[in-house]
Amino acid sequence: MALIGAGAAIGLYAQAVGAGGGFLISPLLLLRHGEADPAEVTMAALLIVAVSSGISTVLSLRQGHVDLPVGLVLLAAATPAALLGALGTLQLPREAFASIFAALLVVLGVYLMARPEASAGEPGRSGWRRDFTDGEGRRWLYRIPLARGIASSFGVAFVAALAGIGGGLIYTPLNTYVLRMPHALAVPATHVVIAGLAAVVVIFHAGSGTSGDPLEDVLPLGLGVIVASRFGSRLQRRLGEELLTRFLAVGLLIVGGRTALEAL
């Protein structure tokens, strides 16, 4: 019951800030399973992320909030990098894994606290022109710097897979700050990418024979995450980008500090 409750809290928070929850699930599993290998923690955490973000993607598609071609291009660019990161996880000792994870969270948390809001910007003369009308009839005009987006997606996917997270905490700011997507479209596009990446990494680790005790927590944690995710979507629509980004930054700093202590 405690794990279901923890999963519900993670699902509500992660869905509201536009992440898959891996950045909270991984440190929880590290804390609970002191002898588990990084690959075991990664597989368990990303199995939950794959299911929860997959459900979020389906719901967003039904509501007409996903600019699907953008999400699929980013996913295609990220997939080979995720496989390289998953391979690296098999080679990492636990202490190095925790240290990399903690440093990643703290750096990103500080950055987002300093810059909690970004506008999509006016369409320019270059870039992939997007003209998207969502399910509520709102029309979005924006341009994506495609080469920069592909390169960024590749790099983020490698780091996320290496750290054992889905990457939503990085992809949402990436889509907003670097690709200049409107925040309302950046979050659904993030779920498309992290659902696909999480599934790829889980399949890789399953094929490598990874198992372990963290998998025992997947069912109760995943149940809580999935039940709460839908409420997180409603919270996301009611709160503005700046407030959501500050919530995300605070969470990253707290979890990053706790994980750094675990690595010492």
Protein backbone atom coordinates (compact mmCIF):
# COMPACT_ATOMS: atom_id res chain seq x y z
CA MET A 1 0.00 0.00 0.00
CA ALA A 2 2.88 2.37 0.74
CA LEU A 3 4.32 1.75 -2.71
CA ILE A 4 0.94 2.39 -4.36
CA GLY A 5 0.73 5.68 -2.44
CA ALA A 6 4.27 6.61 -3.45
CA GLY A 7 3.47 5.79 -7.05
CA ALA A 8 0.35 7.96 -6.92
CA ALA A 9 2.33 10.92 -5.59
CA ILE A 10 4.99 10.44 -8.26
CA GLY A 11 2.40 10.10 -11.03
CA LEU A 12 0.51 13.23 -10.00
CA TYR A 13 3.65 15.34 -9.71
CA ALA A 14 5.42 14.01 -12.79
CA GLN A 15 2.40 14.29 -15.09
CA ALA A 16 1.74 17.86 -13.95
CA VAL A 17 5.29 19.01 -14.73
CA GLY A 18 5.49 17.09 -18.01
CA ALA A 19 7.75 14.19 -17.05
CA GLY A 20 7.42 10.42 -16.93
CA GLY A 21 8.43 10.02 -13.29
CA GLY A 22 11.67 8.12 -13.82
CA PHE A 23 13.68 10.84 -12.08
CA LEU A 24 11.69 10.09 -8.90
CA ILE A 25 11.25 6.33 -9.30
CA SER A 26 14.97 5.62 -9.84
CA PRO A 27 16.18 7.20 -6.55
CA LEU A 28 13.35 5.48 -4.68
CA LEU A 29 14.47 2.11 -6.04
CA LEU A 30 18.11 2.94 -5.28
CA LEU A 31 17.11 3.64 -1.68
CA ARG A 32 14.97 0.51 -1.31
CA HIS A 33 17.37 -1.92 -2.99
CA GLY A 34 20.84 -1.16 -1.72
CA GLU A 35 22.52 -4.02 -3.57
CA ALA A 36 20.76 -3.67 -6.92
CA ASP A 37 22.80 -3.02 -10.05
CA PRO A 38 22.16 0.18 -12.07
CA ALA A 39 20.75 -1.91 -14.94
CA GLU A 40 18.20 -3.54 -12.58
CA VAL A 41 17.08 -0.15 -11.26
CA THR A 42 16.93 1.28 -14.77
CA MET A 43 14.84 -1.55 -16.17
CA ALA A 44 12.29 -1.40 -13.35
CA ALA A 45 11.97 2.39 -13.43
CA LEU A 46 11.67 2.61 -17.20
CA LEU A 47 9.10 -0.18 -17.34
CA ILE A 48 6.82 2.04 -15.24
CA VAL A 49 7.68 5.10 -17.34
CA ALA A 50 6.94 3.25 -20.59
CA VAL A 51 3.45 2.30 -19.42
CA SER A 52 2.53 5.63 -17.79
CA SER A 53 3.87 7.79 -20.62
CA GLY A 54 2.29 5.46 -23.16
CA ILE A 55 -1.10 5.98 -21.53
CA SER A 56 -0.52 9.74 -21.41
CA THR A 57 0.37 9.71 -25.11
CA VAL A 58 -2.80 7.83 -26.03
CA LEU A 59 -4.95 10.25 -24.00
CA SER A 60 -3.23 13.28 -25.55
CA LEU A 61 -3.71 11.85 -29.04
CA ARG A 62 -7.41 11.32 -28.38
CA GLN A 63 -7.71 14.91 -27.16
CA GLY A 64 -5.86 16.22 -30.23
CA HIS A 65 -2.95 17.77 -28.31
CA VAL A 66 -0.03 15.98 -30.01
CA ASP A 67 1.85 17.32 -33.02
CA LEU A 68 2.72 13.72 -33.87
CA PRO A 69 5.23 14.25 -36.73
CA VAL A 70 7.43 16.30 -34.38
CA GLY A 71 7.32 13.65 -31.67
CA LEU A 72 8.14 10.85 -34.10
CA VAL A 73 11.13 12.71 -35.60
CA LEU A 74 12.57 13.34 -32.14
CA LEU A 75 11.97 9.70 -31.18
CA ALA A 76 13.73 8.43 -34.32
CA ALA A 77 16.75 10.62 -33.55
CA ALA A 78 16.83 9.52 -29.92
CA THR A 79 16.44 5.75 -30.27
CA PRO A 80 20.05 4.82 -31.22
CA ALA A 81 21.39 7.11 -28.48
CA ALA A 82 19.13 5.43 -25.91
CA LEU A 83 20.55 2.03 -26.86
CA LEU A 84 24.10 3.36 -26.40
CA GLY A 85 23.13 4.76 -23.00
CA ALA A 86 21.55 1.48 -21.95
CA LEU A 87 24.74 -0.33 -22.93
CA GLY A 88 26.73 2.11 -20.81
CA THR A 89 24.51 1.44 -17.80
CA LEU A 90 25.58 -2.22 -17.85
CA GLN A 91 29.18 -1.09 -17.35
CA LEU A 92 28.64 1.51 -14.60
CA PRO A 93 29.32 0.77 -10.92
CA ARG A 94 26.49 1.77 -8.59
CA GLU A 95 28.36 4.74 -7.05
CA ALA A 96 29.15 6.26 -10.44
CA PHE A 97 25.57 5.74 -11.56
CA ALA A 98 24.20 7.59 -8.52
CA SER A 99 26.74 10.41 -8.87
CA ILE A 100 25.94 11.03 -12.54
CA PHE A 101 22.23 10.96 -11.79
CA ALA A 102 22.55 13.43 -8.90
CA ALA A 103 24.72 15.87 -10.88
CA LEU A 104 22.29 15.81 -13.80
CA LEU A 105 19.31 16.65 -11.59
CA VAL A 106 21.03 19.46 -9.67
CA VAL A 107 22.38 21.22 -12.79
CA LEU A 108 19.01 21.09 -14.52
CA GLY A 109 17.18 22.18 -11.37
CA VAL A 110 19.36 25.28 -10.98
CA TYR A 111 18.93 26.16 -14.65
CA LEU A 112 15.15 25.86 -14.58
CA MET A 113 14.88 27.83 -11.34
CA ALA A 114 16.78 30.66 -13.03
CA ARG A 115 14.72 30.46 -16.23
CA PRO A 116 11.26 29.14 -15.35
CA GLU A 117 9.50 30.34 -18.49
CA ALA A 118 10.23 30.46 -22.21
CA SER A 119 8.10 31.62 -25.10
CA ALA A 120 7.95 29.74 -28.37
CA GLY A 121 8.96 32.82 -30.35
CA GLU A 122 7.66 34.08 -33.65
CA PRO A 123 8.00 31.88 -36.74
CA GLY A 124 11.29 32.68 -38.47
CA ARG A 125 12.57 32.32 -42.00
CA SER A 126 14.29 29.01 -41.36
CA GLY A 127 13.31 25.79 -39.68
CA TRP A 128 10.58 23.21 -40.02
CA ARG A 129 7.35 25.18 -40.25
CA ARG A 130 4.53 23.73 -38.18
CA ASP A 131 0.88 24.72 -38.54
CA PHE A 132 -1.05 22.66 -35.99
CA THR A 133 -4.64 22.94 -34.80
CA ASP A 134 -5.33 21.09 -31.54
CA GLY A 135 -8.48 19.33 -30.39
CA GLU A 136 -9.81 22.53 -28.81
CA GLY A 137 -9.57 24.44 -32.08
CA ARG A 138 -6.48 26.47 -31.15
CA ARG A 139 -4.08 27.06 -34.03
CA TRP A 140 -0.33 26.94 -33.34
CA LEU A 141 2.22 28.36 -35.78
CA TYR A 142 5.89 27.77 -34.98
CA ARG A 143 9.17 26.67 -36.54
CA ILE A 144 11.57 24.02 -35.32
CA PRO A 145 15.33 24.21 -35.96
CA LEU A 146 15.43 20.62 -37.17
CA ALA A 147 19.21 19.96 -37.19
CA ARG A 148 19.56 21.37 -33.67
CA GLY A 149 16.52 19.40 -32.53
CA ILE A 150 17.84 16.08 -33.85
CA ALA A 151 21.28 16.62 -32.31
CA SER A 152 19.79 17.69 -28.97
CA SER A 153 17.37 14.76 -28.90
CA PHE A 154 20.25 12.35 -29.52
CA GLY A 155 22.31 13.79 -26.66
CA VAL A 156 19.45 13.93 -24.19
CA ALA A 157 18.42 10.35 -24.95
CA PHE A 158 21.95 9.08 -24.26
CA VAL A 159 22.17 10.87 -20.90
CA ALA A 160 18.64 9.83 -19.89
CA ALA A 161 19.17 6.16 -20.70
CA LEU A 162 22.55 6.19 -18.95
CA ALA A 163 20.99 7.74 -15.83
CA GLY A 164 18.03 5.34 -15.88
CA ILE A 165 15.28 7.88 -16.44
CA GLY A 166 12.79 8.40 -19.24
CA GLY A 167 14.10 11.89 -19.92
CA GLY A 168 10.88 13.87 -19.53
CA LEU A 169 12.53 16.25 -17.08
CA ILE A 170 15.00 17.15 -19.84
CA TYR A 171 12.84 16.80 -22.93
CA THR A 172 10.14 19.24 -21.84
CA PRO A 173 12.64 22.10 -21.32
CA LEU A 174 14.44 21.01 -24.51
CA ASN A 175 11.25 21.23 -26.56
CA THR A 176 10.40 24.61 -25.08
CA TYR A 177 13.77 26.36 -24.84
CA VAL A 178 15.71 24.83 -27.74
CA LEU A 179 13.03 23.81 -30.24
CA ARG A 180 10.84 26.82 -29.33
CA MET A 181 7.65 24.77 -29.12
CA PRO A 182 4.62 26.20 -27.29
CA HIS A 183 4.50 24.69 -23.81
CA ALA A 184 1.05 23.25 -24.46
CA LEU A 185 2.51 21.16 -27.30
CA ALA A 186 5.94 20.55 -25.77
CA VAL A 187 4.60 18.37 -22.95
CA PRO A 188 2.55 15.94 -25.12
CA ALA A 189 5.47 15.66 -27.57
CA THR A 190 7.70 14.79 -24.62
CA HIS A 191 5.46 11.89 -23.65
CA VAL A 192 5.61 10.49 -27.20
CA VAL A 193 9.41 10.46 -27.05
CA ILE A 194 9.89 9.12 -23.54
CA ALA A 195 7.26 6.38 -23.97
CA GLY A 196 9.14 5.11 -27.01
CA LEU A 197 12.59 5.48 -25.46
CA ALA A 198 11.60 3.78 -22.22
CA ALA A 199 10.17 0.84 -24.16
CA VAL A 200 13.36 0.53 -26.23
CA VAL A 201 15.62 0.51 -23.15
CA VAL A 202 13.40 -1.98 -21.28
CA ILE A 203 13.48 -4.35 -24.26
CA PHE A 204 17.26 -3.98 -24.43
CA HIS A 205 17.76 -4.83 -20.76
CA ALA A 206 15.27 -7.72 -20.93
CA GLY A 207 17.20 -9.12 -23.88
CA SER A 208 20.42 -8.78 -21.86
CA GLY A 209 18.96 -10.98 -19.11
CA THR A 210 18.52 -8.17 -16.55
CA SER A 211 16.09 -8.88 -13.71
CA GLY A 212 16.52 -8.41 -9.93
CA ASP A 213 14.54 -7.32 -6.88
CA PRO A 214 13.53 -3.83 -8.15
CA LEU A 215 11.11 -5.52 -10.56
CA GLU A 216 9.04 -6.62 -7.57
CA ASP A 217 8.11 -2.95 -6.97
CA VAL A 218 6.94 -2.32 -10.53
CA LEU A 219 3.33 -3.45 -10.09
CA PRO A 220 2.38 -1.41 -6.98
CA LEU A 221 4.39 1.66 -8.03
CA GLY A 222 3.07 1.48 -11.57
CA LEU A 223 -0.52 1.12 -10.37
CA GLY A 224 -0.21 4.28 -8.29
CA VAL A 225 1.47 6.21 -11.10
CA ILE A 226 -1.17 5.25 -13.67
CA VAL A 227 -4.15 6.03 -11.41
CA ALA A 228 -2.79 9.47 -10.50
CA SER A 229 -1.56 10.46 -13.97
CA ARG A 230 -4.98 11.49 -15.20
CA PHE A 231 -5.38 13.92 -12.31
CA GLY A 232 -1.93 15.28 -13.09
CA SER A 233 -3.10 16.12 -16.61
CA ARG A 234 -5.92 18.23 -15.20
CA LEU A 235 -3.52 19.98 -12.84
CA GLN A 236 -1.19 20.64 -15.76
CA ARG A 237 -3.92 22.47 -17.68
CA ARG A 238 -4.86 24.63 -14.71
CA LEU A 239 -1.36 25.79 -13.75
CA GLY A 240 0.83 28.02 -15.89
CA GLU A 241 4.19 27.17 -17.43
CA GLU A 242 6.22 29.25 -14.96
CA LEU A 243 4.70 27.69 -11.84
CA LEU A 244 4.99 24.16 -13.25
CA THR A 245 8.62 24.72 -14.18
CA ARG A 246 9.43 26.00 -10.69
CA PHE A 247 7.78 22.90 -9.19
CA LEU A 248 9.92 20.78 -11.48
CA ALA A 249 13.10 22.66 -10.49
CA VAL A 250 12.42 22.23 -6.77
CA GLY A 251 11.83 18.52 -7.24
CA LEU A 252 15.07 18.12 -9.18
CA LEU A 253 17.11 19.88 -6.52
CA ILE A 254 15.62 17.83 -3.69
CA VAL A 255 15.99 14.49 -5.42
CA GLY A 256 19.44 15.38 -6.74
CA GLY A 257 20.70 16.30 -3.27
CA ARG A 258 19.29 13.12 -1.75
CA THR A 259 20.83 10.96 -4.47
CA ALA A 260 24.21 12.67 -4.02
CA LEU A 261 24.16 11.73 -0.34
CA GLU A 262 23.37 8.13 -1.30
CA ALA A 263 26.38 8.10 -3.63
CA LEU A 264 28.84 9.22 -0.92
